[in-house]
Protein backbone atom coordinates (compact mmCIF):
# COMPACT_ATOMS: atom_id res chain seq x y z
CA MET A 1 0.00 0.00 0.00
CA GLU A 2 1.21 3.47 -0.88
CA ASP A 3 1.46 6.07 1.88
CA ALA A 4 -0.91 8.82 0.73
CA VAL A 5 -2.27 12.24 1.54
CA VAL A 6 -5.78 12.94 0.24
CA LEU A 7 -6.62 16.41 -1.06
CA ALA A 8 -10.13 17.50 -0.06
CA GLU A 9 -9.72 21.22 0.52
CA SER A 10 -13.01 22.78 1.69
CA VAL A 11 -15.10 19.66 0.96
CA PHE A 12 -14.04 16.87 3.34
CA GLY A 13 -17.09 15.26 4.89
CA THR A 14 -19.44 16.66 2.21
CA THR A 15 -20.89 15.05 -0.90
CA TYR A 16 -18.23 16.77 -3.04
CA GLY A 17 -15.58 15.11 -0.89
CA LYS A 18 -16.99 11.62 -1.39
CA THR A 19 -13.74 10.23 -2.81
CA ALA A 20 -11.79 11.44 0.21
CA ASN A 21 -14.56 10.23 2.52
CA GLY A 22 -14.45 6.76 0.98
CA LEU A 23 -10.67 6.46 1.15
CA VAL A 24 -10.65 7.39 4.84
CA ARG A 25 -13.31 4.78 5.55
CA PHE A 26 -11.74 1.95 3.52
CA SER A 27 -8.81 1.39 1.17
CA ARG A 28 -6.68 -1.55 0.14
CA ARG A 29 -4.61 0.51 -2.30
CA TYR A 30 -3.55 3.50 -0.17
CA ASN A 31 -2.48 3.87 3.42
CA VAL A 32 -4.16 7.22 4.01
CA ARG A 33 -1.94 9.18 6.41
CA TYR A 34 -3.39 12.70 6.09
CA VAL A 35 -6.34 14.59 4.65
CA ILE A 36 -5.86 18.18 3.44
CA ASP A 37 -8.75 20.51 4.29
CA SER A 38 -7.99 23.79 6.03
CA SER A 39 -11.59 24.11 7.24
CA HIS A 40 -11.07 21.03 9.48
CA ALA A 41 -7.33 21.38 10.20
CA GLY A 42 -6.36 19.91 13.55
CA GLU A 43 -9.29 17.50 13.65
CA ASP A 44 -9.33 13.72 13.32
CA ALA A 45 -10.72 12.65 9.93
CA GLY A 46 -12.88 9.97 11.51
CA MET A 47 -14.45 12.48 13.87
CA VAL A 48 -15.36 14.70 10.91
CA LEU A 49 -16.96 11.79 9.05
CA ASN A 50 -18.54 9.59 11.69
CA GLY A 51 -17.85 11.07 15.09
CA LYS A 52 -15.29 8.31 15.76
CA LYS A 53 -11.52 8.74 15.78
CA CYS A 54 -9.55 6.91 13.10
CA GLY A 55 -6.06 8.34 13.69
CA ILE A 56 -5.86 10.22 10.39
CA PRO A 57 -5.16 13.93 10.98
CA VAL A 58 -6.70 16.66 8.86
CA VAL A 59 -4.12 19.30 7.92
CA ALA A 60 -4.20 22.66 6.17
CA ALA A 61 -1.23 22.13 3.83
CA LEU A 62 0.85 19.43 2.21
CA PRO A 63 2.89 17.60 4.91
CA VAL A 64 6.44 18.05 3.60
CA ASN A 65 8.35 16.34 6.40
CA ALA A 66 6.18 13.29 7.01
CA ASP A 67 7.96 10.35 8.62
CA PRO A 68 7.93 7.89 6.96
CA PRO A 69 7.77 9.90 3.73
CA LEU A 70 4.58 10.05 1.67
CA SER A 71 4.57 8.71 -1.87
CA THR A 72 1.25 9.85 -3.33
CA LEU A 73 -1.24 12.70 -3.32
CA VAL A 74 -4.77 11.58 -4.19
CA VAL A 75 -7.24 14.18 -5.41
CA GLY A 76 -10.24 13.41 -3.23
CA VAL A 77 -12.83 15.77 -4.69
CA ALA A 78 -15.74 14.80 -6.97
CA THR A 79 -17.01 17.99 -8.63
CA ASP A 80 -19.93 18.55 -10.98
CA GLY A 81 -18.49 17.87 -14.41
CA GLY A 82 -15.33 16.40 -12.93
CA VAL A 83 -13.31 19.61 -13.27
CA LEU A 84 -10.36 20.53 -11.07
CA PRO A 85 -11.10 23.41 -8.66
CA PRO A 86 -8.63 26.23 -9.46
CA LYS A 87 -7.46 26.44 -5.84
CA TYR A 88 -6.30 22.79 -6.03
CA ARG A 89 -3.64 23.60 -8.61
CA LYS A 90 -1.12 24.84 -6.05
CA PHE A 91 -1.52 21.70 -3.90
CA ILE A 92 -0.89 19.47 -6.92
CA ALA A 93 2.08 21.50 -8.13
CA ASP A 94 3.58 21.46 -4.63
CA ALA A 95 3.09 17.70 -4.42
CA LEU A 96 4.91 17.08 -7.71
CA LYS A 97 7.72 19.44 -6.68
CA SER A 98 8.01 17.55 -3.38
CA GLY A 99 8.46 14.22 -5.12
CA LEU A 100 4.94 12.82 -4.78
CA ASN A 101 3.02 10.99 -7.45
CA VAL A 102 -0.49 12.30 -8.13
CA VAL A 103 -3.67 10.27 -8.64
CA SER A 104 -6.95 11.80 -9.81
CA GLY A 105 -10.37 10.45 -10.68
CA LEU A 106 -11.66 13.64 -12.29
CA HIS A 107 -12.92 13.91 -15.86
CA GLU A 108 -10.34 16.68 -16.37
CA PHE A 109 -7.11 14.79 -17.02
CA LEU A 110 -4.26 16.23 -14.99
CA SER A 111 -1.66 14.36 -17.03
CA ASP A 112 -2.72 16.45 -20.05
CA ASP A 113 -2.10 19.72 -18.21
CA PRO A 114 1.15 21.26 -19.53
CA GLU A 115 2.23 22.66 -16.15
CA PHE A 116 1.63 19.43 -14.27
CA ALA A 117 3.14 17.27 -17.03
CA LYS A 118 6.29 19.41 -17.00
CA LEU A 119 6.62 19.20 -13.22
CA ALA A 120 6.06 15.43 -13.24
CA SER A 121 8.73 14.94 -15.89
CA LYS A 122 11.21 17.25 -14.16
CA ASN A 123 10.81 15.50 -10.81
CA GLY A 124 10.51 11.94 -12.10
CA ARG A 125 6.94 11.57 -10.85
CA THR A 126 3.79 10.04 -12.36
CA ILE A 127 0.27 11.41 -12.78
CA THR A 128 -2.45 8.75 -12.89
CA ASP A 129 -5.84 9.77 -14.27
CA VAL A 130 -8.09 6.89 -13.26
CA ARG A 131 -10.84 7.66 -15.76
CA LYS A 132 -8.30 7.80 -18.60
CA MET A 133 -7.44 4.16 -17.81
CA PHE A 134 -10.97 3.09 -18.76
CA ARG A 135 -11.98 5.46 -21.58
CA ASP A 136 -10.83 3.15 -24.41
CA ARG A 137 -12.26 -0.05 -22.95
CA LYS A 138 -14.52 -1.77 -25.48
CA ASP A 139 -16.11 -4.93 -24.08
CA MET A 140 -19.17 -6.21 -25.91
CA PHE A 141 -22.06 -7.65 -23.91
CA THR A 142 -22.39 -11.39 -24.58
CA GLY A 143 -24.93 -12.82 -22.14
CA ARG A 144 -22.25 -14.61 -20.11
CA ILE A 145 -23.70 -12.94 -17.01
CA LEU A 146 -26.16 -15.85 -16.88
CA ASP A 147 -23.21 -18.14 -16.04
CA VAL A 148 -22.59 -16.25 -12.79
CA LYS A 149 -24.14 -18.17 -9.89
CA SER A 150 -23.27 -15.75 -7.08
CA THR A 151 -26.16 -14.04 -5.34
CA LYS A 152 -25.96 -10.54 -6.82
CA ILE A 153 -27.29 -7.60 -4.80
CA ALA A 154 -27.41 -4.18 -6.43
CA VAL A 155 -27.04 -1.21 -4.08
CA LEU A 156 -28.89 1.57 -5.89
CA GLY A 157 -29.89 5.01 -4.67
CA THR A 158 -32.43 7.82 -4.69
CA ASP A 159 -29.67 10.36 -5.45
CA SER A 160 -26.04 10.66 -6.43
CA ALA A 161 -23.39 10.82 -3.68
CA VAL A 162 -25.79 9.22 -1.22
CA GLY A 163 -23.59 6.37 0.09
CA LYS A 164 -24.13 3.48 -2.32
CA ARG A 165 -20.45 2.55 -2.53
CA THR A 166 -19.88 2.71 1.21
CA THR A 167 -22.90 0.49 1.83
CA SER A 168 -21.70 -2.00 -0.79
CA VAL A 169 -18.23 -2.13 0.79
CA PHE A 170 -19.45 -2.59 4.35
CA LEU A 171 -22.11 -5.18 3.48
CA SER A 172 -19.57 -7.23 1.55
CA GLU A 173 -17.09 -7.07 4.43
CA SER A 174 -19.85 -8.00 6.90
CA MET A 175 -20.77 -11.02 4.79
CA LYS A 176 -17.15 -12.18 4.97
CA LYS A 177 -17.18 -11.89 8.76
CA LYS A 178 -20.14 -14.27 8.76
CA GLY A 179 -18.07 -16.90 6.97
CA ASN A 180 -19.32 -16.26 3.44
CA THR A 181 -17.28 -15.37 0.42
CA SER A 182 -18.19 -12.00 -1.02
CA GLU A 183 -16.87 -9.53 -3.58
CA MET A 184 -17.79 -5.97 -4.45
CA ILE A 185 -18.16 -5.07 -8.10
CA GLY A 186 -17.00 -1.46 -8.35
CA THR A 187 -18.37 0.97 -10.89
CA GLY A 188 -16.58 4.25 -10.10
CA GLN A 189 -13.15 5.82 -9.72
CA THR A 190 -13.20 5.73 -5.92
CA SER A 191 -13.70 1.96 -5.94
CA TRP A 192 -10.54 1.63 -8.05
CA MET A 193 -8.70 3.90 -5.59
CA GLN A 194 -9.94 1.77 -2.72
CA GLY A 195 -8.30 -1.22 -4.36
CA PHE A 196 -11.26 -3.31 -5.52
CA LYS A 197 -9.94 -5.54 -8.27
CA TYR A 198 -13.23 -6.08 -10.10
CA THR A 199 -13.97 -2.47 -10.96
CA ILE A 200 -14.77 -0.44 -14.04
CA VAL A 201 -15.33 3.30 -14.15
CA LEU A 202 -18.75 3.31 -15.74
CA ASP A 203 -18.93 6.98 -16.69
CA ALA A 204 -15.57 6.92 -18.47
CA ILE A 205 -16.62 4.24 -20.97
CA ILE A 206 -18.41 4.83 -24.29
CA ASN A 207 -22.08 4.06 -23.74
CA ASP A 208 -22.19 1.14 -26.21
CA PHE A 209 -19.62 -0.73 -24.13
CA VAL A 210 -20.82 -0.04 -20.57
CA SER A 211 -22.92 -3.20 -20.35
CA GLY A 212 -20.09 -5.31 -21.73
CA ALA A 213 -17.58 -3.89 -19.26
CA LEU A 214 -19.93 -4.50 -16.34
CA GLU A 215 -20.51 -8.05 -17.50
CA THR A 216 -16.81 -8.73 -18.06
CA VAL A 217 -15.60 -7.73 -14.58
CA THR A 218 -18.50 -9.59 -12.95
CA VAL A 219 -17.83 -12.76 -14.94
CA ASP A 220 -14.12 -12.41 -14.14
CA ALA A 221 -14.94 -12.22 -10.43
CA TRP A 222 -17.07 -15.34 -10.72
CA ASN A 223 -14.48 -17.29 -12.69
CA ASP A 224 -11.66 -16.30 -10.32
CA LEU A 225 -13.38 -16.54 -6.95
CA HIS A 226 -16.86 -18.11 -7.19
CA PRO A 227 -18.04 -15.88 -4.32
CA ASP A 228 -21.30 -16.62 -2.51
CA TYR A 229 -22.31 -12.96 -2.81
CA MET A 230 -21.57 -10.01 -5.04
CA PHE A 231 -22.52 -6.47 -4.10
CA LEU A 232 -22.96 -4.28 -7.16
CA GLU A 233 -22.11 -0.62 -6.61
CA GLY A 234 -24.75 1.70 -8.03
CA GLN A 235 -24.13 4.97 -9.83
CA GLY A 236 -26.27 8.10 -9.85
CA SER A 237 -30.00 7.49 -9.52
CA VAL A 238 -32.63 6.10 -11.84
CA LEU A 239 -34.56 9.41 -11.85
CA HIS A 240 -31.64 11.81 -11.49
CA PRO A 241 -31.84 14.63 -14.07
CA ALA A 242 -28.05 14.86 -14.55
CA TYR A 243 -26.76 11.41 -13.53
CA PRO A 244 -29.42 8.85 -14.45
CA GLY A 245 -28.02 5.54 -13.31
CA SER A 246 -29.17 2.00 -12.42
CA PHE A 247 -30.39 1.03 -15.89
CA GLU A 248 -27.06 -0.43 -17.03
CA ILE A 249 -26.48 -2.29 -13.78
CA ILE A 250 -29.95 -3.82 -13.80
CA GLY A 251 -29.86 -4.64 -17.50
CA ALA A 252 -26.33 -6.03 -17.71
CA LEU A 253 -25.92 -7.74 -14.35
CA HIS A 254 -29.38 -9.13 -13.58
CA PRO A 255 -29.28 -8.61 -9.80
CA ASP A 256 -31.14 -11.05 -7.59
CA ALA A 257 -32.22 -8.28 -5.22
CA ILE A 258 -31.88 -4.55 -4.66
CA ILE A 259 -30.95 -2.51 -1.60
CA LEU A 260 -32.08 1.10 -1.94
CA GLN A 261 -29.94 3.85 -0.41
CA HIS A 262 -31.82 6.96 0.74
CA SER A 263 -31.14 10.20 2.58
CA PRO A 264 -34.44 11.24 4.24
CA LYS A 265 -33.36 14.81 4.95
CA ARG A 266 -32.27 15.42 1.36
CA LEU A 267 -35.26 16.99 -0.37
CA TYR A 268 -33.58 17.98 -3.65
CA TYR A 269 -31.03 16.23 -5.85
CA ASP A 270 -27.50 16.94 -4.68
CA GLY A 271 -26.24 20.00 -6.56
CA PHE A 272 -29.57 20.53 -8.37
CA GLU A 273 -31.94 22.24 -5.98
CA GLN A 274 -34.45 23.02 -8.73
CA PHE A 275 -35.29 19.29 -8.88
CA LYS A 276 -37.13 17.67 -5.98
CA ILE A 277 -36.40 14.04 -5.08
CA PRO A 278 -39.55 11.91 -5.59
CA PRO A 279 -41.00 9.81 -2.76
CA LEU A 280 -39.30 6.57 -1.74
CA GLU A 281 -42.21 4.44 -2.92
CA LYS A 282 -41.78 5.72 -6.48
CA TYR A 283 -38.21 4.45 -6.55
CA ILE A 284 -39.23 1.10 -5.14
CA ARG A 285 -41.94 0.65 -7.80
CA ILE A 286 -39.67 1.71 -10.67
CA LEU A 287 -36.70 -0.43 -9.63
CA GLU A 288 -38.84 -3.49 -9.04
CA LEU A 289 -40.54 -3.03 -12.42
CA LEU A 290 -37.20 -2.59 -14.20
CA SER A 291 -35.49 -5.56 -12.54
CA ASP A 292 -38.41 -7.89 -11.89
CA LYS A 293 -36.79 -8.35 -8.46
CA LYS A 294 -37.55 -7.02 -5.01
CA VAL A 295 -36.13 -4.09 -3.11
CA ILE A 296 -35.37 -6.07 0.05
CA ALA A 297 -34.08 -3.30 2.33
CA VAL A 298 -33.45 0.44 2.61
CA ALA A 299 -30.03 1.75 3.66
CA ILE A 300 -30.33 5.09 5.41
CA ASN A 301 -27.88 7.94 4.94
CA ARG A 302 -28.18 9.68 8.29
CA ASP A 303 -26.90 13.12 7.22
CA ASP A 304 -28.56 15.86 9.29
CA MET A 305 -30.56 13.29 11.30
CA THR A 306 -30.52 12.85 15.05
CA SER A 307 -30.35 9.31 16.43
CA SER A 308 -34.02 9.58 17.38
CA GLU A 309 -35.02 10.73 13.89
CA MET A 310 -33.00 7.88 12.39
CA LEU A 311 -34.77 5.25 14.51
CA ASP A 312 -38.19 6.75 13.81
CA TYR A 313 -37.56 6.78 10.07
CA MET A 314 -36.31 3.19 10.07
CA ASP A 315 -39.43 2.14 11.97
CA MET A 316 -41.64 3.97 9.46
CA VAL A 317 -39.98 2.21 6.51
CA GLU A 318 -40.48 -1.20 8.08
CA ARG A 319 -44.14 -0.50 8.91
CA LYS A 320 -45.02 1.13 5.59
CA TYR A 321 -43.11 -1.07 3.14
CA GLY A 322 -42.64 -4.31 5.07
CA ILE A 323 -38.87 -4.34 4.58
CA PRO A 324 -36.07 -3.50 7.02
CA ALA A 325 -34.19 -0.23 7.07
CA PHE A 326 -30.66 -0.04 8.45
CA ASP A 327 -27.70 2.22 9.13
CA PRO A 328 -24.80 1.11 6.89
CA LEU A 329 -22.33 2.76 9.28
CA GLY A 330 -23.65 0.76 12.23
CA ASN A 331 -23.56 -2.92 13.17
CA LEU A 332 -24.54 -4.93 10.09
CA ASP A 333 -24.86 -8.41 11.63
CA GLN A 334 -28.64 -8.29 11.69
CA ILE A 335 -29.10 -7.03 8.14
CA THR A 336 -26.60 -9.50 6.66
CA SER A 337 -28.38 -12.34 8.45
CA TYR A 338 -31.65 -11.06 7.01
CA ILE A 339 -30.13 -10.97 3.51
CA GLN A 340 -28.93 -14.55 3.89
CA ASP A 341 -32.32 -15.73 5.11
CA THR A 342 -34.29 -13.78 2.50
CA LEU A 343 -32.18 -14.90 -0.45
CA GLY A 344 -31.78 -18.48 0.69
CA LYS A 345 -28.09 -18.71 1.62
């Protein structure tokens, strides 16, 4: 694992900092040592995210005398349109001058930037644009997905940046703790950064080949590991005006069940406050109609909710829809047992 500092200036702990948030919570690829965000400097990154210490300090500037030395700066922001915030340029230039490699998942390719390319060459460093790695991938859909015998659970959402990846990661890890074999199928740049082998970056691939790429990595996971379970990371939201997702995952991967991620306090689509998020029941009906499978549980994003509000909302979901609701950042033993019992494993 590479010793890394994650750049999340002004956005750590927010939806725009979701890449940084995910890397602090879980990563097999990077040993995250620091997070850069001057608005939280001096705090523990875990306290900012979850109210629990994780031992990763938040700092205001690039740590130049870290011991042991850092090797990589990861750009941890996910902006609308995937563009680099202008104020991030100095952090990246300083990192390259200090002998760090740079990794970015933005749509704007940093390796194509003349200033950054010159600094990387001068200092013998590399710039990795994760989305660039997937843009020329051209897998054709074949129907081999029907050969996959794992129980496939799609974690889809009512909005973008609502916690679908985090829920997928933690449910898969919880299944392993129960003695099952489980693998997450990643569909975004953060999943690649977290070190999940069976990952494609869905929104970097030409549309004609998205289904084929999804199928290929899922079939590869089955052929290599034969896991009992696969958790399929959702992207966007089926009704999102800017990031309509779920169609490709349902169509290409034929999930056996769906878990729906929802943020009850979020009334409008993230970043698009002119568009109201429809009621939960509309999502349930649409996803079940599209997949011909059941939404078996609701994962709650507890942003802006008190513990009492969280419990009340979970109780309402169970009474109204007859399915459990759960906190993906809490103890998952009960929900994973329920998944096993419901899906027959």
